[in-house]
Amino acid sequence: MKRRQLLSNLAVGTTTATVLAACSQPSSNSSVTSGSLPTIKWQMVTSWPKSLDTIFGGAQTVCDRVSAMTGGKFTITPYAAGEIVPGLEVLDAVQNGTVECGHTASYYYVGKNSALAFGTSMPFGLTAQQQNAWLYHGGGLEAMHKIYADFNIINFPAGNTGAQMGGWFKKKVQSLDDLQGLKMRIPGLGGKVMSRLGVNVQVLPGGEIFLALDRGAIDAAEWVGPYDDEKLGLNKAAPYYYYPGWWEPGATLEVQVNKSKWDSLPPEYQEVFKTAAMEANLNMLSQYDALNREALTRLLDNGTELVAYSPNILAAAQKAAFEIYEENAADNASFKEIYQQWDEFRSLISQWNKINELSFANFVSK
């Protein structure tokens, strides 16, 4: 009896071990490292110099994670601005198929369609968390996909800087009169607002800002925030550091993919790519928050003067921003469609965040 029971137990144990071993083996139908999936090599152009490790790091994160999750079968090589195409020509290179994908900011291309601004950030618009909520769960990404379809591109959020700073100035600007004729580097709809306030707006890629500001070709410049601005040396070219960056309260960076190339990817690789982009999006925001607090302290210790925009400048800028939105909505049906949906989302989430986050932040900051 004992011998029969022992043999029976051994048989069960052997069967169980065999089943568990079989279950632990990767399925040839589901593994992205399966031999049935192709080896693919892509190129990714960016709008950033490699010296800006956090913002270029968003592109690097996408590339590294795609390779890691496919066992090296799908690899993407990132290139700094100027290595293949200039930093402000990423969309064109992706659209034309010069490269398969690019890491950039959609608002660089508002000249092609003003609605592209929504993909990055709108003056007096959404914070970083609100922007993510709109893109991922408020219909924003679907709306941007519809716009990009006209360019043979599909886009995915792949980085966020958080609320930015308000730029570096060679002299203080305390009133609207001080803005008249001021030469400032500022892109997107923020630049259009500043232009309406009398500023002579310039659009320059990141790698060219320091020399322009240092040599007096421009009087002021905005970039991102303390960590990246310090990396560019902007504190050595101008002494006054303004806040808040009302034109970019939560700036999303994105990866743009040539739609024809995207459609040719195996579905497994598409899912890997989307996951890598989301990781880059969330990681960059966390990294900036951690680094900016330390960088701002260094800047102030080294003589930078922190200055708040005056209430009259902020009020005039906000008024101009929403006038521009209404004008764009009247002229551009795609802008109007997104704007109406975005503005409703903005209103509702702002009311919620006044209750849950703003009330808490106001209390603990006293």
Protein backbone atom coordinates (compact mmCIF):
# COMPACT_ATOMS: atom_id res chain seq x y z
CA MET A 1 0.00 0.00 0.00
CA LYS A 2 2.75 2.36 0.97
CA ARG A 3 4.73 1.39 -2.13
CA ARG A 4 1.72 2.03 -4.41
CA GLN A 5 1.06 5.39 -2.71
CA LEU A 6 4.72 6.37 -3.12
CA LEU A 7 4.70 5.53 -6.82
CA SER A 8 1.43 7.43 -7.24
CA ASN A 9 2.85 10.51 -5.51
CA LEU A 10 5.97 10.37 -7.66
CA ALA A 11 3.87 10.16 -10.80
CA VAL A 12 1.79 13.17 -9.74
CA GLY A 13 4.91 15.13 -8.83
CA THR A 14 6.54 14.35 -12.17
CA THR A 15 3.42 15.33 -14.09
CA THR A 16 3.08 18.59 -12.13
CA ALA A 17 6.72 19.49 -12.72
CA THR A 18 6.33 18.79 -16.43
CA VAL A 19 3.23 21.00 -16.66
CA LEU A 20 4.86 23.84 -14.71
CA ALA A 21 7.97 23.63 -16.88
CA ALA A 22 5.85 23.75 -20.01
CA CYS A 23 3.93 26.75 -18.70
CA SER A 24 7.14 28.60 -17.91
CA GLN A 25 8.47 28.26 -21.46
CA PRO A 26 7.92 31.34 -23.67
CA SER A 27 5.29 30.80 -26.31
CA SER A 28 6.54 31.13 -29.88
CA ASN A 29 3.30 32.94 -30.68
CA SER A 30 3.55 35.61 -27.95
CA SER A 31 7.22 36.35 -27.29
CA VAL A 32 8.61 39.44 -29.01
CA THR A 33 11.99 37.69 -29.07
CA SER A 34 10.56 34.83 -31.10
CA GLY A 35 12.53 33.80 -34.13
CA SER A 36 9.43 34.43 -36.23
CA LEU A 37 9.71 38.19 -35.69
CA PRO A 38 12.01 40.22 -37.96
CA THR A 39 15.18 42.12 -37.14
CA ILE A 40 14.48 45.82 -37.72
CA LYS A 41 16.79 48.82 -37.53
CA TRP A 42 15.41 52.37 -37.44
CA GLN A 43 16.82 55.87 -37.14
CA MET A 44 15.39 58.57 -34.85
CA VAL A 45 16.24 62.24 -35.42
CA THR A 46 15.68 64.71 -32.59
CA SER A 47 15.41 68.43 -31.93
CA TRP A 48 17.96 68.29 -29.10
CA PRO A 49 21.72 68.40 -28.57
CA LYS A 50 23.10 65.37 -26.75
CA SER A 51 24.52 67.64 -24.04
CA LEU A 52 20.97 68.09 -22.75
CA ASP A 53 20.90 64.63 -21.23
CA THR A 54 17.37 64.87 -19.80
CA ILE A 55 15.51 66.04 -22.88
CA PHE A 56 17.64 64.01 -25.31
CA GLY A 57 17.31 61.27 -22.73
CA GLY A 58 13.62 60.96 -23.61
CA ALA A 59 14.61 59.82 -27.08
CA GLN A 60 17.31 57.57 -25.66
CA THR A 61 14.84 55.94 -23.26
CA VAL A 62 12.50 55.01 -26.12
CA CYS A 63 15.36 53.49 -28.11
CA ASP A 64 16.88 51.62 -25.16
CA ARG A 65 13.60 50.15 -23.97
CA VAL A 66 12.50 49.04 -27.44
CA SER A 67 15.78 47.16 -27.84
CA ALA A 68 15.62 45.65 -24.35
CA MET A 69 12.02 44.46 -24.71
CA THR A 70 12.66 42.82 -28.08
CA GLY A 71 15.94 41.17 -27.17
CA GLY A 72 17.79 43.45 -29.58
CA LYS A 73 15.68 42.48 -32.59
CA PHE A 74 14.14 45.97 -32.98
CA THR A 75 16.76 48.68 -32.58
CA ILE A 76 16.48 52.44 -33.03
CA THR A 77 19.48 54.77 -33.15
CA PRO A 78 18.85 58.34 -31.90
CA TYR A 79 20.63 61.30 -33.51
CA ALA A 80 21.15 64.79 -32.11
CA ALA A 81 19.85 67.87 -33.86
CA GLY A 82 21.98 68.60 -36.91
CA GLU A 83 23.47 65.13 -37.28
CA ILE A 84 20.98 64.15 -39.99
CA VAL A 85 18.55 67.08 -40.16
CA PRO A 86 18.31 70.43 -38.32
CA GLY A 87 16.47 70.40 -35.01
CA LEU A 88 13.39 72.16 -36.35
CA GLU A 89 12.97 69.87 -39.37
CA VAL A 90 12.18 66.62 -37.58
CA LEU A 91 8.57 66.46 -38.74
CA ASP A 92 9.58 66.97 -42.37
CA ALA A 93 12.19 64.21 -42.18
CA VAL A 94 9.68 61.76 -40.68
CA GLN A 95 6.89 62.75 -43.06
CA ASN A 96 9.11 62.33 -46.11
CA GLY A 97 10.55 59.01 -44.93
CA THR A 98 14.11 60.31 -44.62
CA VAL A 99 14.02 58.56 -41.24
CA GLU A 100 11.47 56.31 -39.61
CA CYS A 101 10.86 58.42 -36.48
CA GLY A 102 11.79 61.57 -34.59
CA HIS A 103 11.67 63.04 -31.09
CA THR A 104 10.53 66.65 -31.00
CA ALA A 105 7.84 69.10 -29.84
CA SER A 106 4.72 69.47 -31.95
CA TYR A 107 4.44 73.22 -31.40
CA TYR A 108 7.57 73.80 -33.48
CA TYR A 109 5.36 73.11 -36.50
CA VAL A 110 2.34 75.34 -35.89
CA GLY A 111 3.12 77.03 -39.21
CA LYS A 112 1.91 73.84 -40.89
CA ASN A 113 -1.24 73.58 -38.76
CA SER A 114 -1.92 75.72 -35.68
CA ALA A 115 -3.71 72.76 -34.05
CA LEU A 116 -0.34 71.02 -33.60
CA ALA A 117 0.25 73.30 -30.61
CA PHE A 118 -2.15 71.21 -28.52
CA GLY A 119 0.26 68.27 -28.66
CA THR A 120 2.88 70.17 -26.64
CA SER A 121 1.38 72.89 -24.44
CA MET A 122 -0.95 75.84 -24.68
CA PRO A 123 -0.40 79.19 -22.96
CA PHE A 124 -2.42 79.24 -19.72
CA GLY A 125 -3.44 75.68 -20.48
CA LEU A 126 -2.92 72.29 -18.82
CA THR A 127 -0.35 71.29 -16.24
CA ALA A 128 1.76 68.20 -16.90
CA GLN A 129 -0.58 65.85 -15.07
CA GLN A 130 -3.63 67.46 -16.66
CA GLN A 131 -1.99 67.18 -20.08
CA ASN A 132 -1.34 63.48 -19.54
CA ALA A 133 -4.94 63.01 -18.40
CA TRP A 134 -6.20 64.75 -21.54
CA LEU A 135 -3.90 62.85 -23.90
CA TYR A 136 -4.34 59.38 -22.42
CA HIS A 137 -7.91 59.49 -21.12
CA GLY A 138 -9.56 62.65 -22.43
CA GLY A 139 -9.47 62.06 -26.17
CA GLY A 140 -6.41 64.22 -26.75
CA LEU A 141 -4.15 61.63 -28.34
CA GLU A 142 -6.89 60.49 -30.70
CA ALA A 143 -7.41 64.12 -31.72
CA MET A 144 -3.68 64.57 -32.39
CA HIS A 145 -3.57 61.34 -34.41
CA LYS A 146 -6.28 62.80 -36.62
CA ILE A 147 -4.21 65.95 -37.25
CA TYR A 148 -1.02 64.00 -37.91
CA ALA A 149 -2.76 61.72 -40.40
CA ASP A 150 -2.48 64.59 -42.89
CA PHE A 151 1.32 64.33 -42.55
CA ASN A 152 1.54 60.53 -42.85
CA ILE A 153 2.62 60.48 -39.16
CA ILE A 154 1.42 58.88 -35.95
CA ASN A 155 2.60 60.42 -32.66
CA PHE A 156 2.99 59.29 -29.06
CA PRO A 157 3.81 61.34 -25.93
CA ALA A 158 7.42 60.61 -25.00
CA GLY A 159 8.47 63.18 -22.41
CA ASN A 160 7.22 66.08 -20.35
CA THR A 161 9.24 68.92 -18.83
CA GLY A 162 6.66 69.90 -16.23
CA ALA A 163 5.86 73.58 -15.69
CA GLN A 164 8.63 75.60 -17.28
CA MET A 165 10.33 78.82 -16.29
CA GLY A 166 9.62 82.19 -17.89
CA GLY A 167 12.94 82.87 -19.59
CA TRP A 168 16.20 84.78 -19.23
CA PHE A 169 16.34 88.54 -19.74
CA LYS A 170 19.25 90.91 -20.06
CA LYS A 171 17.18 93.66 -18.46
CA LYS A 172 14.10 93.66 -16.26
CA VAL A 173 10.67 93.83 -17.85
CA GLN A 174 8.13 95.25 -15.42
CA SER A 175 5.44 96.57 -17.73
CA LEU A 176 4.00 96.07 -21.18
CA ASP A 177 6.02 99.03 -22.40
CA ASP A 178 9.22 97.15 -21.53
CA LEU A 179 8.25 94.40 -23.97
CA GLN A 180 7.99 96.65 -27.00
CA GLY A 181 10.61 95.70 -29.59
CA LEU A 182 12.30 93.20 -27.27
CA LYS A 183 13.98 90.41 -29.26
CA MET A 184 13.10 87.08 -27.62
CA ARG A 185 13.54 83.44 -28.53
CA ILE A 186 10.17 81.77 -27.88
CA PRO A 187 8.36 79.29 -30.19
CA GLY A 188 4.79 78.10 -30.59
CA LEU A 189 1.67 79.94 -29.58
CA GLY A 190 3.56 81.44 -26.67
CA GLY A 191 5.61 83.24 -29.28
CA LYS A 192 2.46 84.44 -31.00
CA VAL A 193 1.18 85.83 -27.69
CA MET A 194 4.46 87.62 -27.04
CA SER A 195 4.40 88.98 -30.58
CA ARG A 196 0.95 90.44 -29.96
CA LEU A 197 2.35 92.13 -26.85
CA GLY A 198 5.03 93.84 -28.94
CA VAL A 199 7.91 91.38 -28.72
CA ASN A 200 10.11 90.66 -31.75
CA VAL A 201 9.87 86.87 -31.65
CA GLN A 202 12.71 84.58 -32.76
CA VAL A 203 12.60 80.79 -33.12
CA LEU A 204 15.96 79.06 -32.57
CA PRO A 205 16.87 75.44 -31.77
CA GLY A 206 18.32 74.79 -28.33
CA GLY A 207 21.92 74.55 -29.48
CA GLU A 208 21.88 78.11 -30.86
CA ILE A 209 20.28 79.97 -27.96
CA PHE A 210 23.33 80.71 -25.80
CA LEU A 211 25.39 82.38 -28.52
CA ALA A 212 22.45 84.47 -29.69
CA LEU A 213 21.73 85.66 -26.15
CA ASP A 214 25.37 86.11 -25.17
CA ARG A 215 26.24 88.15 -28.29
CA GLY A 216 23.15 90.33 -28.11
CA ALA A 217 21.40 89.00 -31.21
CA ILE A 218 18.43 88.50 -28.88
CA ASP A 219 17.53 90.24 -25.60
CA ALA A 220 15.78 87.33 -23.93
CA ALA A 221 15.22 83.61 -24.35
CA GLU A 222 13.18 80.82 -22.85
CA TRP A 223 14.18 77.20 -22.97
CA VAL A 224 12.96 74.73 -20.33
CA GLY A 225 13.88 75.08 -16.68
CA PRO A 226 16.81 75.37 -14.27
CA TYR A 227 18.58 72.09 -15.09
CA ASP A 228 18.61 72.42 -18.88
CA ASP A 229 19.03 76.20 -18.82
CA GLU A 230 22.10 75.80 -16.64
CA LYS A 231 23.43 73.17 -19.05
CA LEU A 232 23.12 75.67 -21.91
CA GLY A 233 24.85 78.33 -19.81
CA LEU A 234 22.01 80.81 -20.18
CA ASN A 235 22.72 82.18 -16.70
CA LYS A 236 26.07 83.39 -18.03
CA ALA A 237 24.38 85.35 -20.82
CA ALA A 238 21.56 87.06 -18.86
CA PRO A 239 21.12 87.79 -15.13
CA TYR A 240 17.31 87.87 -14.72
CA TYR A 241 15.35 84.62 -14.55
CA TYR A 242 11.59 85.05 -14.88
CA TYR A 243 8.69 82.89 -13.73
CA PRO A 244 6.20 81.38 -14.30
CA GLY A 245 6.49 79.95 -17.81
CA TRP A 246 2.84 80.66 -18.51
CA TRP A 247 3.15 79.52 -22.12
CA GLU A 248 4.24 75.97 -21.15
CA PRO A 249 2.63 74.83 -17.90
CA GLY A 250 3.13 71.18 -18.85
CA ALA A 251 5.03 70.73 -22.09
CA THR A 252 4.75 67.31 -23.75
CA LEU A 253 7.49 66.10 -26.06
CA GLU A 254 6.62 63.36 -28.50
CA VAL A 255 7.94 60.73 -30.81
CA GLN A 256 6.65 61.03 -34.37
CA VAL A 257 6.61 57.92 -36.55
CA ASN A 258 6.21 57.69 -40.29
CA LYS A 259 2.77 56.11 -40.60
CA SER A 260 3.73 53.81 -43.47
CA LYS A 261 6.67 52.49 -41.46
CA TRP A 262 4.46 52.14 -38.39
CA ASP A 263 1.87 50.11 -40.28
CA SER A 264 4.60 47.75 -41.50
CA LEU A 265 5.69 46.86 -37.94
CA PRO A 266 4.51 43.60 -36.39
CA PRO A 267 1.77 44.28 -33.80
CA GLU A 268 4.10 43.04 -31.05
CA TYR A 269 6.67 45.71 -31.95
CA GLN A 270 3.98 48.39 -32.06
CA GLU A 271 2.96 47.53 -28.51
CA VAL A 272 6.57 47.57 -27.35
CA PHE A 273 7.10 50.97 -28.96
CA LYS A 274 4.00 52.48 -27.33
CA THR A 275 5.03 51.14 -23.94
CA ALA A 276 8.55 52.55 -24.33
CA ALA A 277 7.17 55.96 -25.28
CA MET A 278 4.89 56.02 -22.23
CA GLU A 279 7.81 55.12 -19.98
CA ALA A 280 9.86 57.96 -21.46
CA ASN A 281 6.95 60.35 -20.93
CA LEU A 282 6.56 59.59 -17.23
CA ASN A 283 10.26 59.16 -16.49
CA MET A 284 11.27 62.51 -17.96
CA LEU A 285 8.73 64.41 -15.88
CA SER A 286 9.94 62.75 -12.68
CA GLN A 287 13.56 63.36 -13.59
CA TYR A 288 13.03 67.06 -14.30
CA ASP A 289 11.26 67.61 -10.99
CA ALA A 290 14.13 65.96 -9.14
CA LEU A 291 16.88 67.84 -11.01
CA ASN A 292 15.31 71.31 -11.29
CA ARG A 293 15.04 71.86 -7.54
CA GLU A 294 18.80 71.36 -7.16
CA ALA A 295 19.73 73.36 -10.26
CA LEU A 296 17.68 76.39 -9.21
CA THR A 297 19.54 76.52 -5.90
CA ARG A 298 22.87 76.50 -7.75
CA LEU A 299 21.76 79.26 -10.10
CA LEU A 300 20.63 81.51 -7.25
CA ASP A 301 23.84 80.84 -5.32
CA ASN A 302 25.81 81.95 -8.39
CA GLY A 303 24.09 85.29 -8.77
CA THR A 304 20.96 84.66 -10.83
CA GLU A 305 18.10 86.99 -9.83
CA LEU A 306 14.68 85.36 -9.73
CA VAL A 307 11.92 87.71 -10.93
CA ALA A 308 8.16 87.18 -11.18
CA TYR A 309 6.20 88.43 -14.17
CA SER A 310 4.10 91.40 -13.15
CA PRO A 311 0.32 90.88 -12.85
CA ASN A 312 -0.33 93.30 -15.73
CA ILE A 313 1.91 91.33 -18.10
CA LEU A 314 0.28 88.03 -17.07
CA ALA A 315 -3.23 89.43 -17.48
CA ALA A 316 -2.44 90.89 -20.90
CA ALA A 317 -0.80 87.64 -22.02
CA GLN A 318 -3.76 85.53 -20.89
CA LYS A 319 -6.22 87.82 -22.66
CA ALA A 320 -4.15 87.72 -25.86
CA ALA A 321 -3.81 83.93 -25.69
CA PHE A 322 -7.53 83.25 -25.65
CA GLU A 323 -8.13 85.86 -28.35
CA ILE A 324 -5.66 83.97 -30.52
CA TYR A 325 -7.43 80.69 -29.78
CA GLU A 326 -10.76 82.13 -30.89
CA GLU A 327 -9.19 83.56 -34.06
CA ASN A 328 -7.53 80.24 -34.91
CA ALA A 329 -10.80 78.41 -34.28
CA ALA A 330 -12.55 80.74 -36.73
CA ASP A 331 -9.90 80.14 -39.42
CA ASN A 332 -9.02 76.48 -38.90
CA ALA A 333 -11.70 73.80 -38.56
CA SER A 334 -9.28 71.25 -37.09
CA PHE A 335 -8.11 73.76 -34.46
CA LYS A 336 -11.72 74.56 -33.59
CA GLU A 337 -12.62 70.89 -33.16
CA ILE A 338 -9.75 70.24 -30.75
CA TYR A 339 -10.04 73.59 -28.99
CA GLN A 340 -13.68 73.09 -28.03
CA GLN A 341 -13.02 69.63 -26.63
CA TRP A 342 -9.74 70.71 -24.93
CA ASP A 343 -11.32 73.82 -23.38
CA GLU A 344 -14.18 71.85 -21.88
CA PHE A 345 -11.72 69.33 -20.44
CA ARG A 346 -9.55 72.18 -19.10
CA SER A 347 -12.46 73.81 -17.33
CA LEU A 348 -13.65 70.62 -15.62
CA ILE A 349 -10.24 69.36 -14.54
CA SER A 350 -9.27 72.81 -13.26
CA GLN A 351 -12.29 72.79 -10.98
CA TRP A 352 -11.32 69.36 -9.68
CA ASN A 353 -7.67 70.31 -9.12
CA LYS A 354 -8.67 73.47 -7.24
CA ILE A 355 -10.33 71.17 -4.72
CA ASN A 356 -7.82 68.35 -4.44
CA GLU A 357 -4.37 69.73 -5.30
CA LEU A 358 -4.40 73.53 -5.20
CA SER A 359 -5.99 73.70 -1.75
CA PHE A 360 -3.36 71.34 -0.39
CA ALA A 361 -0.46 73.12 -2.13
CA ASN A 362 -1.59 76.52 -0.87
CA PHE A 363 -1.74 75.25 2.70
CA VAL A 364 1.62 73.48 2.84
CA SER A 365 3.44 76.32 1.07
CA LYS A 366 2.51 78.90 3.71
